[in-house]
N, C-alpha and C. Protein backbone atom coordinates (compact mmCIF):
# COMPACT_ATOMS: atom_id res chain seq x y z
N MET A 1 55.18 -6.89 -3.60
CA MET A 1 56.09 -6.38 -2.41
C MET A 1 56.98 -7.60 -2.07
N ASN A 2 56.56 -8.94 -2.16
CA ASN A 2 57.18 -9.75 -1.79
C ASN A 2 58.37 -10.00 -2.60
N ARG A 3 58.32 -9.87 -3.83
CA ARG A 3 59.34 -10.18 -4.86
C ARG A 3 60.45 -8.79 -4.83
N ALA A 4 60.10 -7.78 -4.51
CA ALA A 4 60.90 -6.61 -4.06
C ALA A 4 61.90 -6.99 -2.91
N PHE A 5 61.23 -7.47 -1.89
CA PHE A 5 61.85 -7.86 -0.65
C PHE A 5 63.10 -8.96 -0.89
N MET A 6 62.58 -9.88 -1.85
CA MET A 6 63.58 -11.16 -2.21
C MET A 6 64.73 -10.40 -2.85
N LEU A 7 64.34 -9.48 -3.93
CA LEU A 7 65.60 -8.70 -4.46
C LEU A 7 66.27 -8.04 -3.74
N LEU A 8 65.87 -7.54 -2.75
CA LEU A 8 66.72 -6.54 -1.69
C LEU A 8 67.60 -7.73 -0.88
N VAL A 9 67.01 -8.82 -0.64
CA VAL A 9 67.92 -9.70 0.20
C VAL A 9 68.95 -10.58 -0.52
N VAL A 10 68.73 -10.55 -1.86
CA VAL A 10 69.71 -11.21 -2.93
C VAL A 10 70.85 -10.00 -3.04
N ALA A 11 70.31 -8.86 -3.02
CA ALA A 11 71.46 -7.77 -3.47
C ALA A 11 72.42 -7.56 -2.10
N PHE A 12 71.69 -7.70 -0.85
CA PHE A 12 72.58 -7.83 0.12
C PHE A 12 73.48 -9.07 0.29
N ALA A 13 72.80 -10.18 0.04
CA ALA A 13 73.76 -11.08 0.07
C ALA A 13 74.80 -11.23 -0.85
N ILE A 14 74.71 -10.77 -2.10
CA ILE A 14 75.81 -10.62 -3.00
C ILE A 14 76.60 -9.62 -2.61
N ALA A 15 76.47 -8.56 -2.17
CA ALA A 15 77.20 -7.77 -1.55
C ALA A 15 78.14 -8.27 -0.27
N GLY A 16 77.47 -8.92 0.47
CA GLY A 16 78.19 -9.61 1.81
C GLY A 16 79.21 -10.82 1.13
N CYS A 17 78.77 -11.47 0.15
CA CYS A 17 79.44 -12.69 -0.29
C CYS A 17 80.37 -12.33 -1.42
N GLY A 18 80.70 -10.95 -1.86
CA GLY A 18 81.38 -10.49 -3.03
C GLY A 18 83.11 -10.58 -2.68
N GLY A 19 83.38 -10.77 -1.35
CA GLY A 19 84.70 -10.36 -1.03
C GLY A 19 85.69 -11.44 -1.55
N SER A 20 87.06 -10.88 -1.71
CA SER A 20 88.01 -12.02 -2.47
C SER A 20 88.73 -12.62 -1.20
N GLY A 21 88.57 -13.85 -1.12
CA GLY A 21 89.25 -14.55 -0.05
C GLY A 21 90.57 -15.24 -0.67
N GLY A 22 91.51 -15.72 0.08
CA GLY A 22 92.52 -16.23 -0.50
C GLY A 22 92.44 -17.74 -0.47
N SER A 23 92.86 -18.47 -1.62
CA SER A 23 92.59 -19.82 -1.80
C SER A 23 93.75 -20.70 -1.01
N ASP A 24 93.75 -21.84 -0.67
CA ASP A 24 94.82 -22.56 -0.01
C ASP A 24 95.73 -22.65 -1.26
N ALA A 25 97.11 -22.65 -0.55
CA ALA A 25 98.43 -23.15 -1.38
C ALA A 25 98.33 -24.40 -1.96
N GLY A 26 97.92 -25.39 -1.03
CA GLY A 26 98.10 -26.76 -1.51
C GLY A 26 96.99 -27.20 -2.25
N SER A 27 95.88 -26.35 -2.45
CA SER A 27 94.70 -26.74 -3.15
C SER A 27 94.99 -27.20 -4.71
N GLU A 28 94.36 -28.32 -5.33
CA GLU A 28 94.50 -28.79 -6.54
C GLU A 28 93.41 -28.33 -7.52
N ALA A 29 92.36 -28.03 -6.66
CA ALA A 29 91.19 -27.56 -7.30
C ALA A 29 91.22 -26.50 -8.13
N ASN A 30 90.35 -26.25 -9.04
CA ASN A 30 90.22 -24.93 -10.01
C ASN A 30 89.83 -23.76 -8.81
N PRO A 31 90.60 -22.93 -8.78
CA PRO A 31 90.47 -21.66 -7.90
C PRO A 31 89.14 -20.97 -8.32
N ALA A 32 88.89 -20.84 -9.50
CA ALA A 32 87.43 -20.23 -9.81
C ALA A 32 86.26 -20.99 -9.42
N VAL A 33 86.38 -22.37 -9.57
CA VAL A 33 85.19 -23.14 -9.15
C VAL A 33 85.02 -23.39 -7.76
N GLU A 34 86.21 -23.16 -7.07
CA GLU A 34 86.27 -23.33 -5.63
C GLU A 34 85.71 -22.00 -5.06
N GLN A 35 85.93 -20.69 -5.70
CA GLN A 35 85.28 -19.61 -5.27
C GLN A 35 83.89 -19.53 -5.65
N ALA A 36 83.44 -20.37 -6.59
CA ALA A 36 82.14 -20.05 -7.07
C ALA A 36 81.07 -20.96 -6.07
N VAL A 37 81.89 -21.96 -5.57
CA VAL A 37 81.21 -22.81 -4.60
C VAL A 37 81.06 -22.07 -3.05
N LYS A 38 82.17 -21.35 -2.87
CA LYS A 38 82.08 -20.67 -1.59
C LYS A 38 81.00 -19.51 -1.59
N TYR A 39 80.98 -19.04 -2.75
CA TYR A 39 79.91 -17.81 -3.11
C TYR A 39 78.61 -18.38 -2.90
N ALA A 40 78.21 -19.60 -3.43
CA ALA A 40 76.85 -20.28 -3.35
C ALA A 40 76.40 -20.59 -2.27
N GLN A 41 77.44 -20.94 -1.40
CA GLN A 41 77.36 -21.40 0.21
C GLN A 41 77.01 -20.14 0.97
N CYS A 42 77.57 -19.10 0.58
CA CYS A 42 77.60 -17.72 1.28
C CYS A 42 76.05 -17.13 0.79
N ILE A 43 75.68 -17.50 -0.31
CA ILE A 43 74.35 -16.79 -0.67
C ILE A 43 73.34 -17.64 0.09
N ARG A 44 73.44 -19.08 0.18
CA ARG A 44 72.33 -19.70 0.78
C ARG A 44 72.40 -19.60 2.31
N LYS A 45 73.76 -19.34 2.86
CA LYS A 45 73.65 -18.89 4.54
C LYS A 45 72.96 -17.64 4.77
N ASN A 46 72.99 -16.79 3.71
CA ASN A 46 72.60 -15.37 3.94
C ASN A 46 71.11 -15.26 3.34
N GLY A 47 70.05 -16.34 3.06
CA GLY A 47 68.65 -16.12 2.97
C GLY A 47 68.46 -16.42 1.75
N VAL A 48 69.07 -17.19 0.69
CA VAL A 48 68.58 -17.71 -0.45
C VAL A 48 68.94 -19.40 -0.36
N PRO A 49 67.99 -20.08 0.21
CA PRO A 49 68.19 -21.33 0.41
C PRO A 49 68.22 -22.38 -0.81
N ASN A 50 67.57 -21.84 -1.92
CA ASN A 50 67.77 -22.69 -3.07
C ASN A 50 68.69 -22.52 -4.03
N PHE A 51 69.53 -21.38 -3.63
CA PHE A 51 70.63 -20.96 -4.99
C PHE A 51 71.37 -22.26 -5.04
N PRO A 52 71.64 -22.53 -6.42
CA PRO A 52 72.38 -23.81 -6.86
C PRO A 52 73.91 -23.62 -6.82
N ASP A 53 74.43 -24.88 -6.52
CA ASP A 53 75.97 -25.02 -6.90
C ASP A 53 76.22 -24.80 -8.04
N PRO A 54 77.56 -24.18 -8.47
CA PRO A 54 77.94 -23.78 -9.80
C PRO A 54 78.41 -25.47 -10.66
């Protein structure tokens, strides 16, 4: 039961973190990496504390 709950939490976190945000115009970082880092931060903020950075 606990595993099912965690899968549900991850599913909701992914749905909530999947939006496409605009990147900074002056940013020199790779936009894909920048987006992946923001995604990982969002997943951690929404209940998966050990989600790794890309």
